[in-house]
């Protein structure tokens, strides 16, 4: 008899999960969601002290195991170091959430090459090579009945015209969405399912810099920003964590190569 219970459809208990860029923002929200539902979670970010503190706090708040693995994923040395450290601790990886990302703001007349390369290296190149290097661990986890999962965090700015002068960010996310389709088509044959989430506005450090509050997450008027969204609010941890858990669970095991918006209706409107 088919088991259609919520516990069966959406369980991620016991899974091993890596969330890059997991020390704050959307990555932290996703990491918390997996941790609260019984997964072992590894988080990575460039700043070791921040990553360590977030891992300790998430484990204290939600229980379970949350491990900090700091790394700079904009270059291959950082990627290989992260893969090696994770491989020393685990013999498989059920879920890879490629969330680490950066942006750069400047007018088209003044936009620097550094801003272009930094964004592309982290948001596209880093995702590709980290996934490539982690394929052995993902294949070790994936089975025909329960494939491993790769969840790439894109952006609505890769679908619609961005509001801000972040000239390399939107193209990097559009490239990531295209990469997701290509990975989805190939890796599904190796029991690895790839999808992407394209978030809209969430109360994060990155968005606070875009709206002019310079990284002051607490001091940003998120209610005012939310009134510009068809849903009437910005996103919450439940929104983004719930979608990631769906994609990582039995419920999402027939969804392949998609980019799913999580934006309160911005793109649709």
Protein backbone atom coordinates (compact mmCIF):
# COMPACT_ATOMS: atom_id res chain seq x y z
CA UNK A 1 0.00 0.00 0.00
CA UNK A 2 1.29 3.47 -0.92
CA UNK A 3 2.22 5.58 2.11
CA UNK A 4 1.10 9.18 1.48
CA UNK A 5 1.58 10.41 5.03
CA UNK A 6 3.36 13.72 5.59
CA UNK A 7 6.04 11.93 7.58
CA UNK A 8 6.81 9.69 4.62
CA UNK A 9 6.54 12.35 1.90
CA UNK A 10 8.57 15.12 3.49
CA UNK A 11 11.00 13.42 5.88
CA UNK A 12 14.67 14.42 5.69
CA UNK A 13 15.60 12.72 8.97
CA UNK A 14 19.00 11.08 8.89
CA UNK A 15 20.15 12.80 5.71
CA UNK A 16 23.60 14.37 5.47
CA UNK A 17 23.32 17.92 4.14
CA UNK A 18 25.89 20.55 3.11
CA UNK A 19 24.70 24.16 2.85
CA UNK A 20 27.22 26.59 1.41
CA UNK A 21 26.89 30.20 2.48
CA UNK A 22 25.14 28.76 5.52
CA UNK A 23 26.33 31.21 8.15
CA UNK A 24 23.64 33.85 7.50
CA UNK A 25 20.69 34.81 5.34
CA UNK A 26 18.89 32.29 3.18
CA UNK A 27 21.58 29.67 3.72
CA UNK A 28 21.15 29.87 7.48
CA UNK A 29 17.36 29.59 7.10
CA UNK A 30 17.72 26.45 4.97
CA UNK A 31 20.30 24.92 7.30
CA UNK A 32 18.00 25.51 10.28
CA UNK A 33 15.11 23.82 8.47
CA UNK A 34 17.08 20.66 7.77
CA UNK A 35 18.54 20.62 11.27
CA UNK A 36 15.11 21.02 12.90
CA UNK A 37 13.90 18.00 10.94
CA UNK A 38 16.57 15.51 11.90
CA UNK A 39 19.31 15.96 9.30
CA UNK A 40 23.02 16.21 10.00
CA UNK A 41 23.99 19.61 8.62
CA UNK A 42 27.33 21.03 7.54
CA UNK A 43 27.54 24.75 6.82
CA UNK A 44 30.29 26.60 5.00
CA UNK A 45 31.21 30.26 4.57
CA UNK A 46 34.36 32.31 4.09
CA UNK A 47 34.61 33.76 7.61
CA UNK A 48 35.52 30.99 10.03
CA UNK A 49 34.48 32.79 13.21
CA UNK A 50 31.03 33.65 11.85
CA UNK A 51 30.54 30.15 10.45
CA UNK A 52 31.57 28.54 13.76
CA UNK A 53 29.26 30.79 15.77
CA UNK A 54 26.27 30.09 13.50
CA UNK A 55 26.82 26.32 13.67
CA UNK A 56 26.95 26.43 17.45
CA UNK A 57 23.83 28.59 17.66
CA UNK A 58 21.81 26.46 15.23
CA UNK A 59 22.72 23.27 17.09
CA UNK A 60 21.71 24.88 20.40
CA UNK A 61 18.40 26.14 18.98
CA UNK A 62 17.34 23.06 17.02
CA UNK A 63 19.31 20.16 18.46
CA UNK A 64 21.17 17.66 16.37
CA UNK A 65 24.54 18.05 14.67
CA UNK A 66 25.56 21.22 12.85
CA UNK A 67 29.23 21.43 11.83
CA UNK A 68 31.13 24.45 10.55
CA UNK A 69 33.44 23.89 7.54
CA UNK A 70 34.76 27.33 6.55
CA UNK A 71 35.96 27.71 2.95
CA UNK A 72 36.30 30.22 0.12
CA UNK A 73 34.35 28.66 -2.74
CA UNK A 74 35.37 31.26 -5.33
CA UNK A 75 38.56 29.31 -6.08
CA UNK A 76 39.48 25.67 -6.63
CA UNK A 77 41.84 25.50 -3.65
CA UNK A 78 39.00 26.43 -1.31
CA UNK A 79 36.63 24.02 -3.00
CA UNK A 80 39.09 21.12 -2.80
CA UNK A 81 39.80 21.88 0.85
CA UNK A 82 36.08 21.76 1.69
CA UNK A 83 35.56 18.53 -0.25
CA UNK A 84 38.53 16.93 1.49
CA UNK A 85 37.37 17.95 4.96
CA UNK A 86 33.84 16.73 4.34
CA UNK A 87 35.15 13.48 2.87
CA UNK A 88 37.18 12.87 6.03
CA UNK A 89 33.95 13.01 8.06
CA UNK A 90 31.34 11.42 5.77
CA UNK A 91 31.28 8.63 3.20
CA UNK A 92 28.21 10.03 1.44
CA UNK A 93 26.27 13.28 0.93
CA UNK A 94 22.50 13.18 0.54
CA UNK A 95 21.86 16.88 -0.16
CA UNK A 96 24.10 19.65 -1.49
CA UNK A 97 22.63 23.16 -1.24
CA UNK A 98 24.70 25.51 -3.39
CA UNK A 99 23.71 28.75 -1.70
CA UNK A 100 27.03 30.65 -1.43
CA UNK A 101 26.76 33.77 -3.52
CA UNK A 102 27.97 37.35 -3.79
CA UNK A 103 26.86 40.51 -5.53
CA UNK A 104 28.50 43.77 -6.60
CA UNK A 105 26.86 47.12 -7.14
CA UNK A 106 28.08 49.93 -9.40
CA UNK A 107 26.75 51.93 -12.33
CA UNK A 108 27.29 50.53 -15.81
CA UNK A 109 29.79 53.33 -16.47
CA UNK A 110 31.92 52.42 -13.45
CA UNK A 111 31.39 48.68 -13.03
CA UNK A 112 34.83 47.05 -12.53
CA UNK A 113 36.24 43.82 -13.89
CA UNK A 114 36.84 42.70 -10.31
CA UNK A 115 33.12 42.98 -9.60
CA UNK A 116 32.30 40.91 -12.67
CA UNK A 117 34.83 38.18 -12.00
CA UNK A 118 34.17 37.85 -8.27
CA UNK A 119 30.45 37.35 -8.83
CA UNK A 120 30.85 34.90 -11.72
CA UNK A 121 33.56 32.92 -9.92
CA UNK A 122 31.44 32.42 -6.82
CA UNK A 123 27.93 32.17 -8.26
CA UNK A 124 28.63 30.00 -11.31
CA UNK A 125 32.15 28.60 -11.42
CA UNK A 126 32.17 27.72 -7.73
CA UNK A 127 28.84 25.92 -7.96
CA UNK A 128 29.96 23.86 -10.93
CA UNK A 129 33.29 22.75 -9.52
CA UNK A 130 32.03 22.08 -5.99
CA UNK A 131 29.27 19.88 -7.40
CA UNK A 132 31.78 18.16 -9.70
CA UNK A 133 34.14 17.39 -6.82
CA UNK A 134 31.30 16.13 -4.62
CA UNK A 135 29.86 13.73 -7.22
CA UNK A 136 31.48 10.65 -5.61
CA UNK A 137 29.84 11.43 -2.25
CA UNK A 138 26.51 12.24 -3.92
CA UNK A 139 26.59 9.03 -5.96
CA UNK A 140 27.41 7.06 -2.82
CA UNK A 141 24.17 8.39 -1.28
CA UNK A 142 21.85 8.19 -4.27
CA UNK A 143 19.68 5.19 -5.10
CA UNK A 144 16.88 4.74 -7.64
CA UNK A 145 14.33 4.96 -4.81
CA UNK A 146 16.00 7.85 -2.98
CA UNK A 147 18.32 9.90 -5.22
CA UNK A 148 20.82 12.37 -3.83
CA UNK A 149 19.83 16.02 -4.35
CA UNK A 150 21.55 19.17 -5.54
CA UNK A 151 19.66 22.39 -4.83
CA UNK A 152 21.09 25.51 -6.45
CA UNK A 153 19.99 28.85 -5.04
CA UNK A 154 19.42 31.21 -7.94
CA UNK A 155 17.42 34.44 -7.89
CA UNK A 156 14.45 36.17 -9.44
CA UNK A 157 17.10 38.56 -10.81
CA UNK A 158 18.13 35.72 -13.11
CA UNK A 159 14.59 35.68 -14.52
CA UNK A 160 13.41 39.30 -14.50
CA UNK A 161 15.31 42.58 -14.94
CA UNK A 162 17.06 43.44 -11.65
CA UNK A 163 16.08 46.61 -9.80
CA UNK A 164 19.65 47.45 -8.76
CA UNK A 165 22.92 48.18 -10.60
CA UNK A 166 24.27 44.71 -9.93
CA UNK A 167 25.37 44.07 -13.49
CA UNK A 168 27.01 40.69 -13.01
CA UNK A 169 24.56 39.28 -10.45
CA UNK A 170 21.51 38.74 -12.68
CA UNK A 171 23.55 37.17 -15.49
CA UNK A 172 25.30 34.91 -12.97
CA UNK A 173 21.97 33.65 -11.66
CA UNK A 174 20.56 33.18 -15.16
CA UNK A 175 23.65 31.09 -15.90
CA UNK A 176 23.06 29.11 -12.71
CA UNK A 177 19.49 28.37 -13.78
CA UNK A 178 20.78 27.11 -17.15
CA UNK A 179 23.44 25.05 -15.38
CA UNK A 180 20.70 23.53 -13.21
CA UNK A 181 18.81 22.31 -16.28
CA UNK A 182 21.93 20.80 -17.78
CA UNK A 183 22.97 19.12 -14.53
CA UNK A 184 19.42 17.92 -14.04
CA UNK A 185 19.36 16.21 -17.42
CA UNK A 186 22.70 14.46 -16.97
CA UNK A 187 22.91 13.67 -13.27
CA UNK A 188 19.42 12.18 -12.97
CA UNK A 189 20.87 9.13 -14.74
CA UNK A 190 23.35 8.83 -11.88
CA UNK A 191 20.67 8.95 -9.15
CA UNK A 192 21.29 12.65 -8.44
CA UNK A 193 18.42 15.10 -8.87
CA UNK A 194 19.23 18.76 -9.48
CA UNK A 195 16.83 21.70 -9.10
CA UNK A 196 17.09 25.39 -8.32
CA UNK A 197 15.19 27.87 -6.16
CA UNK A 198 14.91 31.49 -7.30
CA UNK A 199 14.19 33.54 -4.16
CA UNK A 200 12.69 36.99 -4.16
CA UNK A 201 13.09 39.42 -1.25
CA UNK A 202 14.09 37.91 2.10
CA UNK A 203 15.39 39.80 5.16
CA UNK A 204 19.09 39.18 4.48
CA UNK A 205 22.36 41.07 4.73
CA UNK A 206 22.78 41.02 0.94
CA UNK A 207 19.38 42.58 0.25
CA UNK A 208 19.87 45.16 2.99
CA UNK A 209 22.93 46.41 1.12
CA UNK A 210 20.85 46.69 -2.05
CA UNK A 211 18.07 48.74 -0.44
CA UNK A 212 20.52 51.17 1.08
CA UNK A 213 20.84 50.15 4.72
CA UNK A 214 24.37 48.89 4.26
CA UNK A 215 24.08 45.45 5.85
CA UNK A 216 21.95 46.57 8.80
CA UNK A 217 19.47 43.71 8.71
CA UNK A 218 17.74 44.70 11.94
CA UNK A 219 17.48 48.34 10.90
CA UNK A 220 15.91 47.71 7.51
CA UNK A 221 12.19 48.42 7.12
CA UNK A 222 11.22 45.00 5.81
CA UNK A 223 7.51 45.73 6.20
CA UNK A 224 7.80 48.64 3.78
CA UNK A 225 9.71 46.49 1.32
CA UNK A 226 7.14 43.74 1.73
CA UNK A 227 4.38 46.09 0.63
CA UNK A 228 6.00 46.15 -2.82
CA UNK A 229 5.54 42.37 -3.10
CA UNK A 230 2.21 40.96 -4.39
CA UNK A 231 2.06 38.65 -1.35
CA UNK A 232 2.33 41.74 0.87
CA UNK A 233 5.46 40.70 2.77
CA UNK A 234 9.04 39.54 2.41
CA UNK A 235 9.96 35.88 2.68
CA UNK A 236 10.32 33.96 5.94
CA UNK A 237 12.49 31.02 7.01
CA UNK A 238 9.44 28.74 6.70
CA UNK A 239 9.04 29.71 3.04
CA UNK A 240 12.55 28.93 1.88
CA UNK A 241 13.25 26.01 4.23
CA UNK A 242 9.94 24.38 3.32
CA UNK A 243 10.70 24.50 -0.39
CA UNK A 244 14.22 23.15 0.11
CA UNK A 245 12.89 20.31 2.26
CA UNK A 246 10.30 19.47 -0.41
CA UNK A 247 13.02 19.25 -3.05
CA UNK A 248 15.18 17.06 -0.78
CA UNK A 249 12.38 14.70 0.26
CA UNK A 250 10.38 11.87 -1.31
CA UNK A 251 7.80 14.44 -2.37
CA UNK A 252 10.31 16.11 -4.70
CA UNK A 253 11.91 13.04 -6.20
CA UNK A 254 10.20 13.37 -9.61
CA UNK A 255 10.96 17.08 -10.04
CA UNK A 256 14.12 17.46 -12.14
CA UNK A 257 15.99 20.42 -13.61
CA UNK A 258 13.46 23.03 -12.53
CA UNK A 259 13.95 26.57 -11.25
CA UNK A 260 11.15 27.29 -8.78
CA UNK A 261 10.48 30.87 -7.72
CA UNK A 262 9.97 31.64 -4.04
CA UNK A 263 9.14 35.31 -4.38
CA UNK A 264 5.64 36.12 -3.22
CA UNK A 265 4.40 36.51 -6.78
CA UNK A 266 6.97 38.99 -8.14
CA UNK A 267 7.84 37.13 -11.32
CA UNK A 268 4.27 36.05 -12.01
CA UNK A 269 3.10 39.65 -11.66
